[in-house]
Amino acid sequence: MEIGINGLHLLLLAALAEAVWETVKLVWEKHKINIDRLGSIFITIAIACGTGIDFFKILDMPLSIPYVGCILTGVIASRGANFLHDFLGIIEGMKVRNKS
């Protein structure tokens, strides 16, 4: 079943939103702030914004609000390399399925 580019963008948006939300939830654990998680998020946001890395642009879904894409990219990337590898695999699978 072909979902088209708009459907693919909607699926990508849902996956990105879930990844951001799940990451943000990790900041508050056991009724207190997890300073390690918060520090990781701030560092990766700074790196993403400083380098201009933006998942939304990479996925051809540019946002109209400056810096939101790199901020959200930083939040997602703060989960680490394994999470990011799996996440990118999901996105690539979605793209491949849409082409076939």
PDB file of N, CA and C in Angstrom:
ATOM      1  N   MET A   1       0.834  -1.168   0.000  1.00  0.00           N
ATOM      2  CA  MET A   1       0.000   0.000   0.000  1.00  0.00           C
ATOM      3  C   MET A   1       0.888   1.244   0.000  1.00  0.00           C
ATOM      4  N   GLU A   2       0.659   2.127  -0.920  1.00  0.00           N
ATOM      5  CA  GLU A   2       1.428   3.366  -0.995  1.00  0.00           C
ATOM      6  C   GLU A   2       0.692   4.444  -0.211  1.00  0.00           C
ATOM      7  N   ILE A   3       1.418   5.118   0.677  1.00  0.00           N
ATOM      8  CA  ILE A   3       0.775   6.131   1.509  1.00  0.00           C
ATOM      9  C   ILE A   3       1.033   7.548   1.019  1.00  0.00           C
ATOM     10  N   GLY A   4       1.930   7.718   0.082  1.00  0.00           N
ATOM     11  CA  GLY A   4       2.210   9.045  -0.450  1.00  0.00           C
ATOM     12  C   GLY A   4       3.092   9.864   0.468  1.00  0.00           C
ATOM     13  N   ILE A   5       3.600  10.946  -0.058  1.00  0.00           N
ATOM     14  CA  ILE A   5       4.550  11.770   0.688  1.00  0.00           C
ATOM     15  C   ILE A   5       3.896  12.428   1.893  1.00  0.00           C
ATOM     16  N   ASN A   6       2.651  12.875   1.790  1.00  0.00           N
ATOM     17  CA  ASN A   6       1.984  13.493   2.943  1.00  0.00           C
ATOM     18  C   ASN A   6       1.748  12.472   4.051  1.00  0.00           C
ATOM     19  N   GLY A   7       1.365  11.280   3.682  1.00  0.00           N
ATOM     20  CA  GLY A   7       1.176  10.224   4.677  1.00  0.00           C
ATOM     21  C   GLY A   7       2.488   9.846   5.335  1.00  0.00           C
ATOM     22  N   LEU A   8       3.557   9.800   4.547  1.00  0.00           N
ATOM     23  CA  LEU A   8       4.877   9.496   5.085  1.00  0.00           C
ATOM     24  C   LEU A   8       5.308  10.589   6.059  1.00  0.00           C
ATOM     25  N   HIS A   9       5.083  11.819   5.697  1.00  0.00           N
ATOM     26  CA  HIS A   9       5.427  12.929   6.593  1.00  0.00           C
ATOM     27  C   HIS A   9       4.633  12.836   7.892  1.00  0.00           C
ATOM     28  N   LEU A  10       3.378  12.463   7.809  1.00  0.00           N
ATOM     29  CA  LEU A  10       2.558  12.319   9.009  1.00  0.00           C
ATOM     30  C   LEU A  10       3.097  11.210   9.908  1.00  0.00           C
ATOM     31  N   LEU A  11       3.485  10.081   9.315  1.00  0.00           N
ATOM     32  CA  LEU A  11       4.071   8.992  10.096  1.00  0.00           C
ATOM     33  C   LEU A  11       5.400   9.399  10.719  1.00  0.00           C
ATOM     34  N   LEU A  12       6.221  10.105   9.956  1.00  0.00           N
ATOM     35  CA  LEU A  12       7.493  10.591  10.485  1.00  0.00           C
ATOM     36  C   LEU A  12       7.271  11.579  11.623  1.00  0.00           C
ATOM     37  N   LEU A  13       6.308  12.448  11.466  1.00  0.00           N
ATOM     38  CA  LEU A  13       5.981  13.400  12.520  1.00  0.00           C
ATOM     39  C   LEU A  13       5.549  12.677  13.794  1.00  0.00           C
ATOM     40  N   ALA A  14       4.720  11.662  13.642  1.00  0.00           N
ATOM     41  CA  ALA A  14       4.268  10.898  14.804  1.00  0.00           C
ATOM     42  C   ALA A  14       5.446  10.204  15.498  1.00  0.00           C
ATOM     43  N   ALA A  15       6.341   9.623  14.715  1.00  0.00           N
ATOM     44  CA  ALA A  15       7.510   8.947  15.289  1.00  0.00           C
ATOM     45  C   ALA A  15       8.428   9.938  15.995  1.00  0.00           C
ATOM     46  N   LEU A  16       8.662  11.084  15.389  1.00  0.00           N
ATOM     47  CA  LEU A  16       9.505  12.104  16.005  1.00  0.00           C
ATOM     48  C   LEU A  16       8.866  12.647  17.280  1.00  0.00           C
ATOM     49  N   ALA A  17       7.560  12.901  17.243  1.00  0.00           N
ATOM     50  CA  ALA A  17       6.869  13.428  18.425  1.00  0.00           C
ATOM     51  C   ALA A  17       6.928  12.432  19.580  1.00  0.00           C
ATOM     52  N   GLU A  18       6.723  11.169  19.286  1.00  0.00           N
ATOM     53  CA  GLU A  18       6.790  10.158  20.338  1.00  0.00           C
ATOM     54  C   GLU A  18       8.198  10.068  20.915  1.00  0.00           C
ATOM     55  N   ALA A  19       9.208  10.119  20.063  1.00  0.00           N
ATOM     56  CA  ALA A  19      10.595  10.043  20.533  1.00  0.00           C
ATOM     57  C   ALA A  19      10.925  11.238  21.432  1.00  0.00           C
ATOM     58  N   VAL A  20      10.466  12.426  21.057  1.00  0.00           N
ATOM     59  CA  VAL A  20      10.714  13.613  21.878  1.00  0.00           C
ATOM     60  C   VAL A  20       9.994  13.478  23.219  1.00  0.00           C
ATOM     61  N   TRP A  21       8.727  13.094  23.193  1.00  0.00           N
ATOM     62  CA  TRP A  21       7.964  12.980  24.434  1.00  0.00           C
ATOM     63  C   TRP A  21       8.566  11.939  25.375  1.00  0.00           C
ATOM     64  N   GLU A  22       8.924  10.789  24.847  1.00  0.00           N
ATOM     65  CA  GLU A  22       9.509   9.735  25.682  1.00  0.00           C
ATOM     66  C   GLU A  22      10.828  10.193  26.293  1.00  0.00           C
ATOM     67  N   THR A  23      11.580  10.999  25.574  1.00  0.00           N
ATOM     68  CA  THR A  23      12.840  11.522  26.092  1.00  0.00           C
ATOM     69  C   THR A  23      12.593  12.539  27.197  1.00  0.00           C
ATOM     70  N   VAL A  24      11.661  13.441  26.969  1.00  0.00           N
ATOM     71  CA  VAL A  24      11.357  14.469  27.964  1.00  0.00           C
ATOM     72  C   VAL A  24      10.839  13.824  29.256  1.00  0.00           C
ATOM     73  N   LYS A  25      10.070  12.756  29.142  1.00  0.00           N
ATOM     74  CA  LYS A  25       9.555  12.076  30.337  1.00  0.00           C
ATOM     75  C   LYS A  25      10.685  11.532  31.210  1.00  0.00           C
ATOM     76  N   LEU A  26      11.825  11.215  30.608  1.00  0.00           N
ATOM     77  CA  LEU A  26      12.945  10.668  31.367  1.00  0.00           C
ATOM     78  C   LEU A  26      13.610  11.711  32.270  1.00  0.00           C
ATOM     79  N   VAL A  27      13.317  12.987  32.051  1.00  0.00           N
ATOM     80  CA  VAL A  27      13.901  14.038  32.884  1.00  0.00           C
ATOM     81  C   VAL A  27      13.344  13.966  34.315  1.00  0.00           C
ATOM     82  N   TRP A  28      12.088  13.560  34.459  1.00  0.00           N
ATOM     83  CA  TRP A  28      11.441  13.482  35.766  1.00  0.00           C
ATOM     84  C   TRP A  28      11.298  12.010  36.151  1.00  0.00           C
ATOM     85  N   GLU A  29      12.145  11.547  37.049  1.00  0.00           N
ATOM     86  CA  GLU A  29      12.106  10.149  37.499  1.00  0.00           C
ATOM     87  C   GLU A  29      12.038  10.088  39.012  1.00  0.00           C
ATOM     88  N   LYS A  30      11.200   9.225  39.514  1.00  0.00           N
ATOM     89  CA  LYS A  30      11.083   8.999  40.961  1.00  0.00           C
ATOM     90  C   LYS A  30      10.861  10.319  41.714  1.00  0.00           C
ATOM     91  N   HIS A  31       9.981  11.147  41.166  1.00  0.00           N
ATOM     92  CA  HIS A  31       9.570  12.404  41.785  1.00  0.00           C
ATOM     93  C   HIS A  31      10.708  13.415  41.965  1.00  0.00           C
ATOM     94  N   LYS A  32      11.710  13.327  41.086  1.00  0.00           N
ATOM     95  CA  LYS A  32      12.773  14.325  41.103  1.00  0.00           C
ATOM     96  C   LYS A  32      13.371  14.444  39.703  1.00  0.00           C
ATOM     97  N   ILE A  33      14.108  15.520  39.487  1.00  0.00           N
ATOM     98  CA  ILE A  33      14.733  15.759  38.184  1.00  0.00           C
ATOM     99  C   ILE A  33      15.980  14.891  38.052  1.00  0.00           C
ATOM    100  N   ASN A  34      16.082  14.217  36.923  1.00  0.00           N
ATOM    101  CA  ASN A  34      17.267  13.428  36.603  1.00  0.00           C
ATOM    102  C   ASN A  34      18.268  14.376  35.943  1.00  0.00           C
ATOM    103  N   ILE A  35      19.224  14.861  36.731  1.00  0.00           N
ATOM    104  CA  ILE A  35      20.173  15.869  36.249  1.00  0.00           C
ATOM    105  C   ILE A  35      21.050  15.343  35.114  1.00  0.00           C
ATOM    106  N   ASP A  36      21.359  14.050  35.125  1.00  0.00           N
ATOM    107  CA  ASP A  36      22.154  13.475  34.033  1.00  0.00           C
ATOM    108  C   ASP A  36      21.393  13.536  32.712  1.00  0.00           C
ATOM    109  N   ARG A  37      20.114  13.180  32.742  1.00  0.00           N
ATOM    110  CA  ARG A  37      19.295  13.212  31.519  1.00  0.00           C
ATOM    111  C   ARG A  37      19.136  14.649  31.038  1.00  0.00           C
ATOM    112  N   LEU A  38      18.873  15.558  31.972  1.00  0.00           N
ATOM    113  CA  LEU A  38      18.699  16.959  31.624  1.00  0.00           C
ATOM    114  C   LEU A  38      19.985  17.537  31.022  1.00  0.00           C
ATOM    115  N   GLY A  39      21.126  17.202  31.609  1.00  0.00           N
ATOM    116  CA  GLY A  39      22.404  17.661  31.079  1.00  0.00           C
ATOM    117  C   GLY A  39      22.656  17.137  29.675  1.00  0.00           C
ATOM    118  N   SER A  40      22.339  15.863  29.467  1.00  0.00           N
ATOM    119  CA  SER A  40      22.502  15.260  28.142  1.00  0.00           C
ATOM    120  C   SER A  40      21.641  15.970  27.103  1.00  0.00           C
ATOM    121  N   ILE A  41      20.418  16.284  27.483  1.00  0.00           N
ATOM    122  CA  ILE A  41      19.513  16.978  26.560  1.00  0.00           C
ATOM    123  C   ILE A  41      20.062  18.359  26.212  1.00  0.00           C
ATOM    124  N   PHE A  42      20.488  19.111  27.213  1.00  0.00           N
ATOM    125  CA  PHE A  42      21.012  20.458  26.945  1.00  0.00           C
ATOM    126  C   PHE A  42      22.257  20.413  26.068  1.00  0.00           C
ATOM    127  N   ILE A  43      23.146  19.467  26.329  1.00  0.00           N
ATOM    128  CA  ILE A  43      24.374  19.362  25.529  1.00  0.00           C
ATOM    129  C   ILE A  43      24.067  19.013  24.078  1.00  0.00           C
ATOM    130  N   THR A  44      23.186  18.043  23.867  1.00  0.00           N
ATOM    131  CA  THR A  44      22.887  17.652  22.483  1.00  0.00           C
ATOM    132  C   THR A  44      22.086  18.723  21.751  1.00  0.00           C
ATOM    133  N   ILE A  45      21.252  19.472  22.469  1.00  0.00           N
ATOM    134  CA  ILE A  45      20.560  20.601  21.832  1.00  0.00           C
ATOM    135  C   ILE A  45      21.590  21.639  21.391  1.00  0.00           C
ATOM    136  N   ALA A  46      22.546  21.939  22.254  1.00  0.00           N
ATOM    137  CA  ALA A  46      23.585  22.920  21.907  1.00  0.00           C
ATOM    138  C   ALA A  46      24.386  22.462  20.697  1.00  0.00           C
ATOM    139  N   ILE A  47      24.738  21.188  20.661  1.00  0.00           N
ATOM    140  CA  ILE A  47      25.500  20.665  19.522  1.00  0.00           C
ATOM    141  C   ILE A  47      24.666  20.698  18.245  1.00  0.00           C
ATOM    142  N   ALA A  48      23.410  20.246  18.337  1.00  0.00           N
ATOM    143  CA  ALA A  48      22.547  20.227  17.150  1.00  0.00           C
ATOM    144  C   ALA A  48      22.324  21.637  16.607  1.00  0.00           C
ATOM    145  N   CYS A  49      22.035  22.572  17.486  1.00  0.00           N
ATOM    146  CA  CYS A  49      21.810  23.955  17.028  1.00  0.00           C
ATOM    147  C   CYS A  49      23.105  24.600  16.544  1.00  0.00           C
ATOM    148  N   GLY A  50      24.203  24.301  17.235  1.00  0.00           N
ATOM    149  CA  GLY A  50      25.493  24.864  16.833  1.00  0.00           C
ATOM    150  C   GLY A  50      25.973  24.372  15.483  1.00  0.00           C
ATOM    151  N   THR A  51      25.622  23.142  15.156  1.00  0.00           N
ATOM    152  CA  THR A  51      26.038  22.573  13.877  1.00  0.00           C
ATOM    153  C   THR A  51      24.958  22.666  12.802  1.00  0.00           C
ATOM    154  N   GLY A  52      23.750  23.032  13.210  1.00  0.00           N
ATOM    155  CA  GLY A  52      22.645  23.147  12.253  1.00  0.00           C
ATOM    156  C   GLY A  52      22.025  21.817  11.870  1.00  0.00           C
ATOM    157  N   ILE A  53      22.255  20.786  12.669  1.00  0.00           N
ATOM    158  CA  ILE A  53      21.661  19.473  12.371  1.00  0.00           C
ATOM    159  C   ILE A  53      20.178  19.505  12.735  1.00  0.00           C
ATOM    160  N   ASP A  54      19.345  19.077  11.800  1.00  0.00           N
ATOM    161  CA  ASP A  54      17.900  19.166  11.968  1.00  0.00           C
ATOM    162  C   ASP A  54      17.253  17.970  11.264  1.00  0.00           C
ATOM    163  N   PHE A  55      16.690  17.035  12.050  1.00  0.00           N
ATOM    164  CA  PHE A  55      16.021  15.866  11.466  1.00  0.00           C
ATOM    165  C   PHE A  55      14.920  16.271  10.496  1.00  0.00           C
ATOM    166  N   PHE A  56      14.205  17.322  10.833  1.00  0.00           N
ATOM    167  CA  PHE A  56      13.084  17.716   9.994  1.00  0.00           C
ATOM    168  C   PHE A  56      13.549  18.162   8.604  1.00  0.00           C
ATOM    169  N   LYS A  57      14.654  18.896   8.541  1.00  0.00           N
ATOM    170  CA  LYS A  57      15.203  19.277   7.235  1.00  0.00           C
ATOM    171  C   LYS A  57      15.731  18.055   6.498  1.00  0.00           C
ATOM    172  N   ILE A  58      16.417  17.174   7.242  1.00  0.00           N
ATOM    173  CA  ILE A  58      16.956  15.957   6.633  1.00  0.00           C
ATOM    174  C   ILE A  58      15.838  15.129   6.010  1.00  0.00           C
ATOM    175  N   LEU A  59      14.688  15.089   6.686  1.00  0.00           N
ATOM    176  CA  LEU A  59      13.547  14.308   6.214  1.00  0.00           C
ATOM    177  C   LEU A  59      12.644  15.099   5.276  1.00  0.00           C
ATOM    178  N   ASP A  60      13.134  16.258   4.812  1.00  0.00           N
ATOM    179  CA  ASP A  60      12.401  17.120   3.890  1.00  0.00           C
ATOM    180  C   ASP A  60      11.072  17.568   4.495  1.00  0.00           C
ATOM    181  N   MET A  61      11.129  17.939   5.790  1.00  0.00           N
ATOM    182  CA  MET A  61       9.965  18.446   6.511  1.00  0.00           C
ATOM    183  C   MET A  61      10.382  19.716   7.268  1.00  0.00           C
ATOM    184  N   PRO A  62      10.843  20.754   6.575  1.00  0.00           N
ATOM    185  CA  PRO A  62      11.323  21.946   7.286  1.00  0.00           C
ATOM    186  C   PRO A  62      10.213  22.594   8.101  1.00  0.00           C
ATOM    187  N   LEU A  63      10.588  23.098   9.262  1.00  0.00           N
ATOM    188  CA  LEU A  63       9.639  23.771  10.153  1.00  0.00           C
ATOM    189  C   LEU A  63       9.681  25.271   9.913  1.00  0.00           C
ATOM    190  N   SER A  64       8.575  25.937  10.134  1.00  0.00           N
ATOM    191  CA  SER A  64       8.514  27.379   9.875  1.00  0.00           C
ATOM    192  C   SER A  64       9.054  28.203  11.040  1.00  0.00           C
ATOM    193  N   ILE A  65       9.255  27.594  12.207  1.00  0.00           N
ATOM    194  CA  ILE A  65       9.782  28.313  13.366  1.00  0.00           C
ATOM    195  C   ILE A  65      11.281  28.005  13.465  1.00  0.00           C
ATOM    196  N   PRO A  66      12.120  29.051  13.345  1.00  0.00           N
ATOM    197  CA  PRO A  66      13.574  28.831  13.388  1.00  0.00           C
ATOM    198  C   PRO A  66      14.002  28.116  14.672  1.00  0.00           C
ATOM    199  N   TYR A  67      14.944  27.253  14.560  1.00  0.00           N
ATOM    200  CA  TYR A  67      15.602  26.525  15.648  1.00  0.00           C
ATOM    201  C   TYR A  67      14.774  25.424  16.306  1.00  0.00           C
ATOM    202  N   VAL A  68      13.486  25.333  16.033  1.00  0.00           N
ATOM    203  CA  VAL A  68      12.695  24.265  16.654  1.00  0.00           C
ATOM    204  C   VAL A  68      13.192  22.905  16.184  1.00  0.00           C
ATOM    205  N   GLY A  69      13.515  22.790  14.914  1.00  0.00           N
ATOM    206  CA  GLY A  69      13.993  21.515  14.378  1.00  0.00           C
ATOM    207  C   GLY A  69      15.279  21.057  15.031  1.00  0.00           C
ATOM    208  N   CYS A  70      16.243  21.955  15.198  1.00  0.00           N
ATOM    209  CA  CYS A  70      17.503  21.537  15.818  1.00  0.00           C
ATOM    210  C   CYS A  70      17.318  21.282  17.315  1.00  0.00           C
ATOM    211  N   ILE A  71      16.406  21.995  17.970  1.00  0.00           N
ATOM    212  CA  ILE A  71      16.129  21.728  19.383  1.00  0.00           C
ATOM    213  C   ILE A  71      15.532  20.333  19.549  1.00  0.00           C
ATOM    214  N   LEU A  72      14.527  20.016  18.732  1.00  0.00           N
ATOM    215  CA  LEU A  72      13.911  18.690  18.809  1.00  0.00           C
ATOM    216  C   LEU A  72      14.900  17.598  18.406  1.00  0.00           C
ATOM    217  N   THR A  73      15.753  17.893  17.446  1.00  0.00           N
ATOM    218  CA  THR A  73      16.804  16.957  17.047  1.00  0.00           C
ATOM    219  C   THR A  73      17.733  16.686  18.216  1.00  0.00           C
ATOM    220  N   GLY A  74      18.099  17.729  18.949  1.00  0.00           N
ATOM    221  CA  GLY A  74      18.947  17.554  20.127  1.00  0.00           C
ATOM    222  C   GLY A  74      18.295  16.693  21.185  1.00  0.00           C
ATOM    223  N   VAL A  75      16.998  16.898  21.400  1.00  0.00           N
ATOM    224  CA  VAL A  75      16.275  16.090  22.385  1.00  0.00           C
ATOM    225  C   VAL A  75      16.303  14.614  21.982  1.00  0.00           C
ATOM    226  N   ILE A  76      16.024  14.346  20.720  1.00  0.00           N
ATOM    227  CA  ILE A  76      16.018  12.957  20.244  1.00  0.00           C
ATOM    228  C   ILE A  76      17.420  12.356  20.319  1.00  0.00           C
ATOM    229  N   ALA A  77      18.427  13.105  19.891  1.00  0.00           N
ATOM    230  CA  ALA A  77      19.802  12.596  19.875  1.00  0.00           C
ATOM    231  C   ALA A  77      20.340  12.356  21.280  1.00  0.00           C
ATOM    232  N   SER A  78      19.766  13.025  22.272  1.00  0.00           N
ATOM    233  CA  SER A  78      20.242  12.850  23.652  1.00  0.00           C
ATOM    234  C   SER A  78      20.018  11.438  24.168  1.00  0.00           C
ATOM    235  N   ARG A  79      19.188  10.675  23.498  1.00  0.00           N
ATOM    236  CA  ARG A  79      18.923   9.293  23.915  1.00  0.00           C
ATOM    237  C   ARG A  79      20.116   8.382  23.652  1.00  0.00           C
ATOM    238  N   GLY A  80      21.034   8.801  22.799  1.00  0.00           N
ATOM    239  CA  GLY A  80      22.235   8.022  22.553  1.00  0.00           C
ATOM    240  C   GLY A  80      22.254   7.345  21.196  1.00  0.00           C
ATOM    241  N   ALA A  81      23.405   6.760  20.896  1.00  0.00           N
ATOM    242  CA  ALA A  81      23.651   6.179  19.575  1.00  0.00           C
ATOM    243  C   ALA A  81      22.764   4.969  19.280  1.00  0.00           C
ATOM    244  N   ASN A  82      22.559   4.095  20.248  1.00  0.00           N
ATOM    245  CA  ASN A  82      21.727   2.907  19.994  1.00  0.00           C
ATOM    246  C   ASN A  82      20.297   3.297  19.669  1.00  0.00           C
ATOM    247  N   PHE A  83      19.738   4.196  20.466  1.00  0.00           N
ATOM    248  CA  PHE A  83      18.375   4.656  20.210  1.00  0.00           C
ATOM    249  C   PHE A  83      18.287   5.318  18.847  1.00  0.00           C
ATOM    250  N   LEU A  84      19.256   6.185  18.555  1.00  0.00           N
ATOM    251  CA  LEU A  84      19.252   6.903  17.296  1.00  0.00           C
ATOM    252  C   LEU A  84      19.390   5.953  16.104  1.00  0.00           C
ATOM    253  N   HIS A  85      20.226   4.951  16.234  1.00  0.00           N
ATOM    254  CA  HIS A  85      20.386   3.958  15.168  1.00  0.00           C
ATOM    255  C   HIS A  85      19.066   3.236  14.908  1.00  0.00           C
ATOM    256  N   ASP A  86      18.421   2.796  15.967  1.00  0.00           N
ATOM    257  CA  ASP A  86      17.127   2.115  15.820  1.00  0.00           C
ATOM    258  C   ASP A  86      16.077   3.053  15.228  1.00  0.00           C
ATOM    259  N   PHE A  87      16.072   4.281  15.700  1.00  0.00           N
ATOM    260  CA  PHE A  87      15.105   5.265  15.230  1.00  0.00           C
ATOM    261  C   PHE A  87      15.288   5.541  13.736  1.00  0.00           C
ATOM    262  N   LEU A  88      16.531   5.733  13.310  1.00  0.00           N
ATOM    263  CA  LEU A  88      16.794   5.969  11.890  1.00  0.00           C
ATOM    264  C   LEU A  88      16.452   4.747  11.044  1.00  0.00           C
ATOM    265  N   GLY A  89      16.631   3.553  11.613  1.00  0.00           N
ATOM    266  CA  GLY A  89      16.227   2.332  10.913  1.00  0.00           C
ATOM    267  C   GLY A  89      14.730   2.294  10.669  1.00  0.00           C
ATOM    268  N   ILE A  90      13.960   2.730  11.655  1.00  0.00           N
ATOM    269  CA  ILE A  90      12.502   2.791  11.503  1.00  0.00           C
ATOM    270  C   ILE A  90      12.129   3.771  10.393  1.00  0.00           C
ATOM    271  N   ILE A  91      12.763   4.934  10.403  1.00  0.00           N
ATOM    272  CA  ILE A  91      12.477   5.942   9.386  1.00  0.00           C
ATOM    273  C   ILE A  91      12.835   5.430   7.994  1.00  0.00           C
ATOM    274  N   GLU A  92      13.997   4.797   7.873  1.00  0.00           N
ATOM    275  CA  GLU A  92      14.413   4.256   6.574  1.00  0.00           C
ATOM    276  C   GLU A  92      13.433   3.178   6.108  1.00  0.00           C
ATOM    277  N   GLY A  93      12.991   2.329   7.022  1.00  0.00           N
ATOM    278  CA  GLY A  93      12.002   1.307   6.673  1.00  0.00           C
ATOM    279  C   GLY A  93      10.704   1.916   6.170  1.00  0.00           C
ATOM    280  N   MET A  94      10.278   3.002   6.792  1.00  0.00           N
ATOM    281  CA  MET A  94       9.061   3.695   6.353  1.00  0.00           C
ATOM    282  C   MET A  94       9.238   4.232   4.940  1.00  0.00           C
ATOM    283  N   LYS A  95      10.407   4.796   4.649  1.00  0.00           N
ATOM    284  CA  LYS A  95      10.669   5.339   3.317  1.00  0.00           C
ATOM    285  C   LYS A  95      10.681   4.235   2.265  1.00  0.00           C
ATOM    286  N   VAL A  96      11.336   3.116   2.605  1.00  0.00           N
ATOM    287  CA  VAL A  96      11.439   1.998   1.660  1.00  0.00           C
ATOM    288  C   VAL A  96      10.052   1.430   1.364  1.00  0.00           C
ATOM    289  N   ARG A  97       9.236   1.234   2.404  1.00  0.00           N
ATOM    290  CA  ARG A  97       7.897   0.696   2.213  1.00  0.00           C
ATOM    291  C   ARG A  97       7.051   1.616   1.356  1.00  0.00           C
ATOM    292  N   ASN A  98       7.246   2.913   1.500  1.00  0.00           N
ATOM    293  CA  ASN A  98       6.466   3.870   0.727  1.00  0.00           C
ATOM    294  C   ASN A  98       6.854   3.825  -0.744  1.00  0.00           C
ATOM    295  N   LYS A  99       8.112   3.515  -1.052  1.00  0.00           N
ATOM    296  CA  LYS A  99       8.575   3.470  -2.451  1.00  0.00           C
ATOM    297  C   LYS A  99       8.129   2.216  -3.167  1.00  0.00           C
ATOM    298  N   SER A 100       7.908   1.128  -2.414  1.00  0.00           N
ATOM    299  CA  SER A 100       7.544  -0.133  -3.087  1.00  0.00           C
ATOM    300  C   SER A 100       6.070  -0.277  -3.305  1.00  0.00           C
TER     301      SER A 100
END
